[in-house]
PDB file of N, CA and C in Angstrom:
ATOM      1  N   MET A   1       0.848  -1.176   0.000  1.00  0.00           N
ATOM      2  CA  MET A   1       0.000   0.000   0.000  1.00  0.00           C
ATOM      3  C   MET A   1       0.886   1.228   0.000  1.00  0.00           C
ATOM      4  N   THR A   2       0.444   2.232  -0.696  1.00  0.00           N
ATOM      5  CA  THR A   2       1.221   3.461  -0.760  1.00  0.00           C
ATOM      6  C   THR A   2       0.707   4.450   0.274  1.00  0.00           C
ATOM      7  N   THR A   3       1.522   5.441   0.536  1.00  0.00           N
ATOM      8  CA  THR A   3       1.111   6.484   1.473  1.00  0.00           C
ATOM      9  C   THR A   3       1.118   7.823   0.752  1.00  0.00           C
ATOM     10  N   SER A   4       0.346   8.724   1.233  1.00  0.00           N
ATOM     11  CA  SER A   4       0.290  10.076   0.700  1.00  0.00           C
ATOM     12  C   SER A   4      -0.061  11.004   1.854  1.00  0.00           C
ATOM     13  N   ARG A   5      -0.082  12.299   1.579  1.00  0.00           N
ATOM     14  CA  ARG A   5      -0.470  13.253   2.617  1.00  0.00           C
ATOM     15  C   ARG A   5      -1.853  12.928   3.163  1.00  0.00           C
ATOM     16  N   GLU A   6      -2.730  12.449   2.293  1.00  0.00           N
ATOM     17  CA  GLU A   6      -4.103  12.150   2.694  1.00  0.00           C
ATOM     18  C   GLU A   6      -4.184  10.976   3.660  1.00  0.00           C
ATOM     19  N   THR A   7      -3.200  10.077   3.627  1.00  0.00           N
ATOM     20  CA  THR A   7      -3.273   8.864   4.447  1.00  0.00           C
ATOM     21  C   THR A   7      -2.152   8.729   5.460  1.00  0.00           C
ATOM     22  N   GLU A   8      -1.304   9.746   5.597  1.00  0.00           N
ATOM     23  CA  GLU A   8      -0.145   9.592   6.473  1.00  0.00           C
ATOM     24  C   GLU A   8      -0.509   9.409   7.944  1.00  0.00           C
ATOM     25  N   GLY A   9      -1.689   9.833   8.360  1.00  0.00           N
ATOM     26  CA  GLY A   9      -2.097   9.684   9.748  1.00  0.00           C
ATOM     27  C   GLY A   9      -2.756   8.342  10.055  1.00  0.00           C
ATOM     28  N   MET A  10      -2.903   7.508   9.045  1.00  0.00           N
ATOM     29  CA  MET A  10      -3.573   6.224   9.245  1.00  0.00           C
ATOM     30  C   MET A  10      -2.629   5.190   9.827  1.00  0.00           C
ATOM     31  N   ASN A  11      -3.205   4.182  10.455  1.00  0.00           N
ATOM     32  CA  ASN A  11      -2.434   3.082  11.025  1.00  0.00           C
ATOM     33  C   ASN A  11      -2.236   2.028   9.931  1.00  0.00           C
ATOM     34  N   HIS A  12      -1.240   2.240   9.081  1.00  0.00           N
ATOM     35  CA  HIS A  12      -1.017   1.345   7.947  1.00  0.00           C
ATOM     36  C   HIS A  12      -0.735  -0.099   8.345  1.00  0.00           C
ATOM     37  N   PRO A  13       0.019  -0.367   9.415  1.00  0.00           N
ATOM     38  CA  PRO A  13       0.209  -1.776   9.804  1.00  0.00           C
ATOM     39  C   PRO A  13      -1.117  -2.462  10.137  1.00  0.00           C
ATOM     40  N   LYS A  14      -2.015  -1.769  10.816  1.00  0.00           N
ATOM     41  CA  LYS A  14      -3.319  -2.350  11.151  1.00  0.00           C
ATOM     42  C   LYS A  14      -4.151  -2.574   9.892  1.00  0.00           C
ATOM     43  N   ILE A  15      -4.122  -1.595   8.976  1.00  0.00           N
ATOM     44  CA  ILE A  15      -4.858  -1.743   7.719  1.00  0.00           C
ATOM     45  C   ILE A  15      -4.293  -2.912   6.928  1.00  0.00           C
ATOM     46  N   ARG A  16      -2.972  -3.028   6.862  1.00  0.00           N
ATOM     47  CA  ARG A  16      -2.342  -4.142   6.148  1.00  0.00           C
ATOM     48  C   ARG A  16      -2.765  -5.464   6.777  1.00  0.00           C
ATOM     49  N   GLU A  17      -2.819  -5.539   8.102  1.00  0.00           N
ATOM     50  CA  GLU A  17      -3.245  -6.755   8.796  1.00  0.00           C
ATOM     51  C   GLU A  17      -4.679  -7.123   8.394  1.00  0.00           C
ATOM     52  N   LEU A  18      -5.563  -6.143   8.359  1.00  0.00           N
ATOM     53  CA  LEU A  18      -6.951  -6.394   7.954  1.00  0.00           C
ATOM     54  C   LEU A  18      -7.039  -6.852   6.504  1.00  0.00           C
ATOM     55  N   VAL A  19      -6.265  -6.212   5.632  1.00  0.00           N
ATOM     56  CA  VAL A  19      -6.254  -6.603   4.221  1.00  0.00           C
ATOM     57  C   VAL A  19      -5.737  -8.035   4.080  1.00  0.00           C
ATOM     58  N   ASP A  20      -4.661  -8.352   4.775  1.00  0.00           N
ATOM     59  CA  ASP A  20      -4.116  -9.716   4.715  1.00  0.00           C
ATOM     60  C   ASP A  20      -5.133 -10.746   5.184  1.00  0.00           C
ATOM     61  N   GLN A  21      -5.887 -10.420   6.227  1.00  0.00           N
ATOM     62  CA  GLN A  21      -6.925 -11.340   6.709  1.00  0.00           C
ATOM     63  C   GLN A  21      -8.026 -11.493   5.664  1.00  0.00           C
ATOM     64  N   ALA A  22      -8.419 -10.396   5.052  1.00  0.00           N
ATOM     65  CA  ALA A  22      -9.479 -10.445   4.043  1.00  0.00           C
ATOM     66  C   ALA A  22      -9.048 -11.251   2.821  1.00  0.00           C
ATOM     67  N   ILE A  23      -7.777 -11.176   2.472  1.00  0.00           N
ATOM     68  CA  ILE A  23      -7.278 -11.926   1.312  1.00  0.00           C
ATOM     69  C   ILE A  23      -7.452 -13.427   1.524  1.00  0.00           C
ATOM     70  N   GLY A  24      -7.484 -13.854   2.770  1.00  0.00           N
ATOM     71  CA  GLY A  24      -7.696 -15.269   3.077  1.00  0.00           C
ATOM     72  C   GLY A  24      -9.122 -15.745   2.842  1.00  0.00           C
ATOM     73  N   LEU A  25     -10.041 -14.815   2.603  1.00  0.00           N
ATOM     74  CA  LEU A  25     -11.428 -15.171   2.329  1.00  0.00           C
ATOM     75  C   LEU A  25     -11.596 -15.515   0.851  1.00  0.00           C
ATOM     76  N   SER A  26     -12.698 -16.175   0.521  1.00  0.00           N
ATOM     77  CA  SER A  26     -12.992 -16.457  -0.885  1.00  0.00           C
ATOM     78  C   SER A  26     -13.364 -15.151  -1.583  1.00  0.00           C
ATOM     79  N   ALA A  27     -13.374 -15.173  -2.903  1.00  0.00           N
ATOM     80  CA  ALA A  27     -13.756 -13.981  -3.669  1.00  0.00           C
ATOM     81  C   ALA A  27     -15.177 -13.548  -3.315  1.00  0.00           C
ATOM     82  N   ASP A  28     -16.084 -14.492  -3.186  1.00  0.00           N
ATOM     83  CA  ASP A  28     -17.463 -14.155  -2.814  1.00  0.00           C
ATOM     84  C   ASP A  28     -17.518 -13.503  -1.430  1.00  0.00           C
ATOM     85  N   GLU A  29     -16.744 -14.040  -0.498  1.00  0.00           N
ATOM     86  CA  GLU A  29     -16.728 -13.478   0.853  1.00  0.00           C
ATOM     87  C   GLU A  29     -16.126 -12.073   0.850  1.00  0.00           C
ATOM     88  N   ARG A  30     -15.076 -11.850   0.053  1.00  0.00           N
ATOM     89  CA  ARG A  30     -14.471 -10.510  -0.028  1.00  0.00           C
ATOM     90  C   ARG A  30     -15.440  -9.512  -0.651  1.00  0.00           C
ATOM     91  N   GLN A  31     -16.185  -9.937  -1.666  1.00  0.00           N
ATOM     92  CA  GLN A  31     -17.183  -9.043  -2.268  1.00  0.00           C
ATOM     93  C   GLN A  31     -18.254  -8.679  -1.246  1.00  0.00           C
ATOM     94  N   THR A  32     -18.707  -9.666  -0.481  1.00  0.00           N
ATOM     95  CA  THR A  32     -19.709  -9.409   0.560  1.00  0.00           C
ATOM     96  C   THR A  32     -19.157  -8.454   1.604  1.00  0.00           C
ATOM     97  N   LEU A  33     -17.886  -8.617   1.982  1.00  0.00           N
ATOM     98  CA  LEU A  33     -17.255  -7.714   2.940  1.00  0.00           C
ATOM     99  C   LEU A  33     -17.258  -6.282   2.423  1.00  0.00           C
ATOM    100  N   VAL A  34     -16.839  -6.099   1.177  1.00  0.00           N
ATOM    101  CA  VAL A  34     -16.809  -4.753   0.599  1.00  0.00           C
ATOM    102  C   VAL A  34     -18.219  -4.167   0.552  1.00  0.00           C
ATOM    103  N   LYS A  35     -19.187  -4.967   0.100  1.00  0.00           N
ATOM    104  CA  LYS A  35     -20.569  -4.476   0.054  1.00  0.00           C
ATOM    105  C   LYS A  35     -21.077  -4.119   1.444  1.00  0.00           C
ATOM    106  N   GLY A  36     -20.653  -4.868   2.448  1.00  0.00           N
ATOM    107  CA  GLY A  36     -21.062  -4.572   3.823  1.00  0.00           C
ATOM    108  C   GLY A  36     -20.479  -3.272   4.351  1.00  0.00           C
ATOM    109  N   LEU A  37     -19.322  -2.872   3.824  1.00  0.00           N
ATOM    110  CA  LEU A  37     -18.685  -1.625   4.261  1.00  0.00           C
ATOM    111  C   LEU A  37     -19.260  -0.388   3.578  1.00  0.00           C
ATOM    112  N   ILE A  38     -19.884  -0.571   2.425  1.00  0.00           N
ATOM    113  CA  ILE A  38     -20.352   0.561   1.625  1.00  0.00           C
ATOM    114  C   ILE A  38     -21.287   1.500   2.391  1.00  0.00           C
ATOM    115  N   PRO A  39     -22.322   1.016   3.089  1.00  0.00           N
ATOM    116  CA  PRO A  39     -23.209   1.964   3.778  1.00  0.00           C
ATOM    117  C   PRO A  39     -22.487   2.859   4.791  1.00  0.00           C
ATOM    118  N   SER A  40     -21.545   2.295   5.539  1.00  0.00           N
ATOM    119  CA  SER A  40     -20.842   3.117   6.531  1.00  0.00           C
ATOM    120  C   SER A  40     -19.925   4.135   5.858  1.00  0.00           C
ATOM    121  N   ILE A  41     -19.387   3.793   4.698  1.00  0.00           N
ATOM    122  CA  ILE A  41     -18.563   4.742   3.949  1.00  0.00           C
ATOM    123  C   ILE A  41     -19.448   5.842   3.381  1.00  0.00           C
ATOM    124  N   ALA A  42     -20.553   5.454   2.740  1.00  0.00           N
ATOM    125  CA  ALA A  42     -21.459   6.432   2.128  1.00  0.00           C
ATOM    126  C   ALA A  42     -22.032   7.387   3.168  1.00  0.00           C
ATOM    127  N   ARG A  43     -22.295   6.877   4.358  1.00  0.00           N
ATOM    128  CA  ARG A  43     -22.861   7.694   5.432  1.00  0.00           C
ATOM    129  C   ARG A  43     -21.955   8.878   5.776  1.00  0.00           C
ATOM    130  N   GLU A  44     -20.648   8.687   5.644  1.00  0.00           N
ATOM    131  CA  GLU A  44     -19.690   9.720   6.052  1.00  0.00           C
ATOM    132  C   GLU A  44     -19.209  10.597   4.900  1.00  0.00           C
ATOM    133  N   LEU A  45     -19.727  10.357   3.700  1.00  0.00           N
ATOM    134  CA  LEU A  45     -19.311  11.131   2.533  1.00  0.00           C
ATOM    135  C   LEU A  45     -20.511  11.815   1.904  1.00  0.00           C
ATOM    136  N   SER A  46     -20.236  12.897   1.211  1.00  0.00           N
ATOM    137  CA  SER A  46     -21.283  13.516   0.398  1.00  0.00           C
ATOM    138  C   SER A  46     -21.482  12.629  -0.841  1.00  0.00           C
ATOM    139  N   PRO A  47     -22.583  12.795  -1.560  1.00  0.00           N
ATOM    140  CA  PRO A  47     -22.757  12.015  -2.787  1.00  0.00           C
ATOM    141  C   PRO A  47     -21.612  12.201  -3.779  1.00  0.00           C
ATOM    142  N   THR A  48     -21.094  13.415  -3.891  1.00  0.00           N
ATOM    143  CA  THR A  48     -19.963  13.668  -4.796  1.00  0.00           C
ATOM    144  C   THR A  48     -18.712  12.942  -4.323  1.00  0.00           C
ATOM    145  N   GLN A  49     -18.430  12.995  -3.026  1.00  0.00           N
ATOM    146  CA  GLN A  49     -17.267  12.294  -2.480  1.00  0.00           C
ATOM    147  C   GLN A  49     -17.408  10.789  -2.667  1.00  0.00           C
ATOM    148  N   PHE A  50     -18.616  10.282  -2.473  1.00  0.00           N
ATOM    149  CA  PHE A  50     -18.841   8.849  -2.636  1.00  0.00           C
ATOM    150  C   PHE A  50     -18.621   8.445  -4.093  1.00  0.00           C
ATOM    151  N   GLN A  51     -19.084   9.252  -5.032  1.00  0.00           N
ATOM    152  CA  GLN A  51     -18.864   8.946  -6.447  1.00  0.00           C
ATOM    153  C   GLN A  51     -17.378   8.942  -6.776  1.00  0.00           C
ATOM    154  N   THR A  52     -16.628   9.871  -6.193  1.00  0.00           N
ATOM    155  CA  THR A  52     -15.183   9.907  -6.393  1.00  0.00           C
ATOM    156  C   THR A  52     -14.546   8.631  -5.852  1.00  0.00           C
ATOM    157  N   PHE A  53     -15.000   8.178  -4.701  1.00  0.00           N
ATOM    158  CA  PHE A  53     -14.512   6.933  -4.115  1.00  0.00           C
ATOM    159  C   PHE A  53     -14.791   5.755  -5.050  1.00  0.00           C
ATOM    160  N   ILE A  54     -16.007   5.656  -5.556  1.00  0.00           N
ATOM    161  CA  ILE A  54     -16.383   4.567  -6.458  1.00  0.00           C
ATOM    162  C   ILE A  54     -15.566   4.638  -7.745  1.00  0.00           C
ATOM    163  N   ASP A  55     -15.366   5.830  -8.272  1.00  0.00           N
ATOM    164  CA  ASP A  55     -14.538   6.000  -9.467  1.00  0.00           C
ATOM    165  C   ASP A  55     -13.114   5.517  -9.200  1.00  0.00           C
ATOM    166  N   GLY A  56     -12.604   5.783  -7.994  1.00  0.00           N
ATOM    167  CA  GLY A  56     -11.266   5.317  -7.624  1.00  0.00           C
ATOM    168  C   GLY A  56     -11.179   3.804  -7.598  1.00  0.00           C
ATOM    169  N   LEU A  57     -12.242   3.145  -7.136  1.00  0.00           N
ATOM    170  CA  LEU A  57     -12.270   1.674  -7.153  1.00  0.00           C
ATOM    171  C   LEU A  57     -12.244   1.150  -8.591  1.00  0.00           C
ATOM    172  N   ARG A  58     -13.015   1.795  -9.463  1.00  0.00           N
ATOM    173  CA  ARG A  58     -13.036   1.379 -10.864  1.00  0.00           C
ATOM    174  C   ARG A  58     -11.652   1.524 -11.487  1.00  0.00           C
ATOM    175  N   ILE A  59     -10.995   2.648 -11.212  1.00  0.00           N
ATOM    176  CA  ILE A  59      -9.651   2.882 -11.749  1.00  0.00           C
ATOM    177  C   ILE A  59      -8.680   1.817 -11.240  1.00  0.00           C
ATOM    178  N   LYS A  60      -8.785   1.474  -9.949  1.00  0.00           N
ATOM    179  CA  LYS A  60      -7.915   0.419  -9.384  1.00  0.00           C
ATOM    180  C   LYS A  60      -8.046  -0.871 -10.184  1.00  0.00           C
ATOM    181  N   GLY A  61      -9.299  -1.253 -10.459  1.00  0.00           N
ATOM    182  CA  GLY A  61      -9.547  -2.470 -11.222  1.00  0.00           C
ATOM    183  C   GLY A  61      -9.022  -2.375 -12.644  1.00  0.00           C
ATOM    184  N   GLU A  62      -9.281  -1.255 -13.301  1.00  0.00           N
ATOM    185  CA  GLU A  62      -8.804  -1.068 -14.671  1.00  0.00           C
ATOM    186  C   GLU A  62      -7.290  -1.107 -14.743  1.00  0.00           C
ATOM    187  N   ARG A  63      -6.624  -0.480 -13.773  1.00  0.00           N
ATOM    188  CA  ARG A  63      -5.148  -0.499 -13.755  1.00  0.00           C
ATOM    189  C   ARG A  63      -4.620  -1.909 -13.502  1.00  0.00           C
ATOM    190  N   PHE A  64      -5.299  -2.659 -12.651  1.00  0.00           N
ATOM    191  CA  PHE A  64      -4.889  -4.043 -12.403  1.00  0.00           C
ATOM    192  C   PHE A  64      -4.942  -4.847 -13.701  1.00  0.00           C
ATOM    193  N   TYR A  65      -6.068  -4.771 -14.411  1.00  0.00           N
ATOM    194  CA  TYR A  65      -6.208  -5.535 -15.648  1.00  0.00           C
ATOM    195  C   TYR A  65      -5.240  -5.055 -16.722  1.00  0.00           C
ATOM    196  N   ASP A  66      -4.999  -3.750 -16.790  1.00  0.00           N
ATOM    197  CA  ASP A  66      -4.047  -3.211 -17.751  1.00  0.00           C
ATOM    198  C   ASP A  66      -2.639  -3.729 -17.461  1.00  0.00           C
ATOM    199  N   ALA A  67      -2.245  -3.716 -16.192  1.00  0.00           N
ATOM    200  CA  ALA A  67      -0.915  -4.217 -15.816  1.00  0.00           C
ATOM    201  C   ALA A  67      -0.814  -5.717 -16.084  1.00  0.00           C
ATOM    202  N   LYS A  68      -1.882  -6.436 -15.829  1.00  0.00           N
ATOM    203  CA  LYS A  68      -1.887  -7.885 -16.055  1.00  0.00           C
ATOM    204  C   LYS A  68      -1.728  -8.208 -17.544  1.00  0.00           C
ATOM    205  N   GLU A  69      -2.316  -7.385 -18.395  1.00  0.00           N
ATOM    206  CA  GLU A  69      -2.219  -7.591 -19.837  1.00  0.00           C
ATOM    207  C   GLU A  69      -0.867  -7.175 -20.403  1.00  0.00           C
ATOM    208  N   HIS A  70      -0.114  -6.374 -19.650  1.00  0.00           N
ATOM    209  CA  HIS A  70       1.182  -5.874 -20.123  1.00  0.00           C
ATOM    210  C   HIS A  70       2.256  -6.102 -19.054  1.00  0.00           C
ATOM    211  N   PRO A  71       2.522  -7.355 -18.706  1.00  0.00           N
ATOM    212  CA  PRO A  71       3.484  -7.624 -17.630  1.00  0.00           C
ATOM    213  C   PRO A  71       4.897  -7.140 -17.972  1.00  0.00           C
ATOM    214  N   GLY A  72       5.534  -6.573 -16.969  1.00  0.00           N
ATOM    215  CA  GLY A  72       6.922  -6.143 -17.107  1.00  0.00           C
ATOM    216  C   GLY A  72       7.118  -4.861 -17.892  1.00  0.00           C
ATOM    217  N   GLU A  73       6.046  -4.212 -18.330  1.00  0.00           N
ATOM    218  CA  GLU A  73       6.194  -3.009 -19.140  1.00  0.00           C
ATOM    219  C   GLU A  73       6.287  -1.741 -18.300  1.00  0.00           C
ATOM    220  N   GLY A  74       5.868  -1.807 -17.049  1.00  0.00           N
ATOM    221  CA  GLY A  74       5.977  -0.646 -16.171  1.00  0.00           C
ATOM    222  C   GLY A  74       4.867   0.358 -16.351  1.00  0.00           C
ATOM    223  N   ARG A  75       4.839   1.277 -15.423  1.00  0.00           N
ATOM    224  CA  ARG A  75       3.774   2.274 -15.336  1.00  0.00           C
ATOM    225  C   ARG A  75       3.700   3.180 -16.567  1.00  0.00           C
ATOM    226  N   ALA A  76       4.846   3.553 -17.107  1.00  0.00           N
ATOM    227  CA  ALA A  76       4.877   4.487 -18.240  1.00  0.00           C
ATOM    228  C   ALA A  76       4.196   3.914 -19.476  1.00  0.00           C
ATOM    229  N   ALA A  77       4.196   2.596 -19.610  1.00  0.00           N
ATOM    230  CA  ALA A  77       3.609   1.962 -20.794  1.00  0.00           C
ATOM    231  C   ALA A  77       2.133   1.654 -20.633  1.00  0.00           C
ATOM    232  N   ARG A  78       1.572   1.902 -19.460  1.00  0.00           N
ATOM    233  CA  ARG A  78       0.167   1.554 -19.229  1.00  0.00           C
ATOM    234  C   ARG A  78      -0.780   2.532 -19.900  1.00  0.00           C
ATOM    235  N   ASN A  79      -1.973   2.044 -20.181  1.00  0.00           N
ATOM    236  CA  ASN A  79      -2.979   2.838 -20.884  1.00  0.00           C
ATOM    237  C   ASN A  79      -3.965   3.529 -19.951  1.00  0.00           C
ATOM    238  N   ILE A  80      -4.036   3.099 -18.697  1.00  0.00           N
ATOM    239  CA  ILE A  80      -5.031   3.612 -17.746  1.00  0.00           C
ATOM    240  C   ILE A  80      -4.364   4.619 -16.814  1.00  0.00           C
ATOM    241  N   ARG A  81      -4.992   5.783 -16.658  1.00  0.00           N
ATOM    242  CA  ARG A  81      -4.458   6.778 -15.723  1.00  0.00           C
ATOM    243  C   ARG A  81      -4.609   6.276 -14.296  1.00  0.00           C
ATOM    244  N   GLY A  82      -3.656   6.615 -13.449  1.00  0.00           N
ATOM    245  CA  GLY A  82      -3.701   6.235 -12.055  1.00  0.00           C
ATOM    246  C   GLY A  82      -4.386   7.268 -11.187  1.00  0.00           C
ATOM    247  N   GLU A  83      -4.509   6.951  -9.906  1.00  0.00           N
ATOM    248  CA  GLU A  83      -5.181   7.850  -8.973  1.00  0.00           C
ATOM    249  C   GLU A  83      -4.488   9.211  -8.926  1.00  0.00           C
ATOM    250  N   ARG A  84      -3.166   9.211  -8.970  1.00  0.00           N
ATOM    251  CA  ARG A  84      -2.435  10.478  -8.871  1.00  0.00           C
ATOM    252  C   ARG A  84      -2.765  11.401 -10.038  1.00  0.00           C
ATOM    253  N   GLU A  85      -2.852  10.822 -11.253  1.00  0.00           N
ATOM    254  CA  GLU A  85      -3.175  11.650 -12.424  1.00  0.00           C
ATOM    255  C   GLU A  85      -4.622  12.159 -12.330  1.00  0.00           C
ATOM    256  N   VAL A  86      -5.525  11.288 -11.941  1.00  0.00           N
ATOM    257  CA  VAL A  86      -6.934  11.678 -11.839  1.00  0.00           C
ATOM    258  C   VAL A  86      -7.124  12.762 -10.792  1.00  0.00           C
ATOM    259  N   GLU A  87      -6.429  12.621  -9.646  1.00  0.00           N
ATOM    260  CA  GLU A  87      -6.567  13.579  -8.543  1.00  0.00           C
ATOM    261  C   GLU A  87      -5.696  14.807  -8.722  1.00  0.00           C
ATOM    262  N   GLY A  88      -4.811  14.799  -9.719  1.00  0.00           N
ATOM    263  CA  GLY A  88      -3.938  15.938  -9.940  1.00  0.00           C
ATOM    264  C   GLY A  88      -2.790  16.026  -8.968  1.00  0.00           C
ATOM    265  N   ARG A  89      -2.346  14.861  -8.431  1.00  0.00           N
ATOM    266  CA  ARG A  89      -1.232  14.860  -7.475  1.00  0.00           C
ATOM    267  C   ARG A  89       0.070  14.675  -8.213  1.00  0.00           C
TER     268      ARG A  89
END
């Protein structure tokens, strides 16, 4: 996981521990976990912020598939913009 100014105050070791535990679940169980978290996330965001969050998830998936289709080519050769480009960082 990467860090940025937006996430530097987070407990990354704890988040990594939770992610590692979730990876041990089946794909169906992980999808259910994510869906279960959505209401609590949406509750704390405006509709615009929530849409930005969802767009970020879509970009994550698109970048994963793009990297998988072009192994060893590196970030510069990818076709999908990353979070930093989208957010202007």
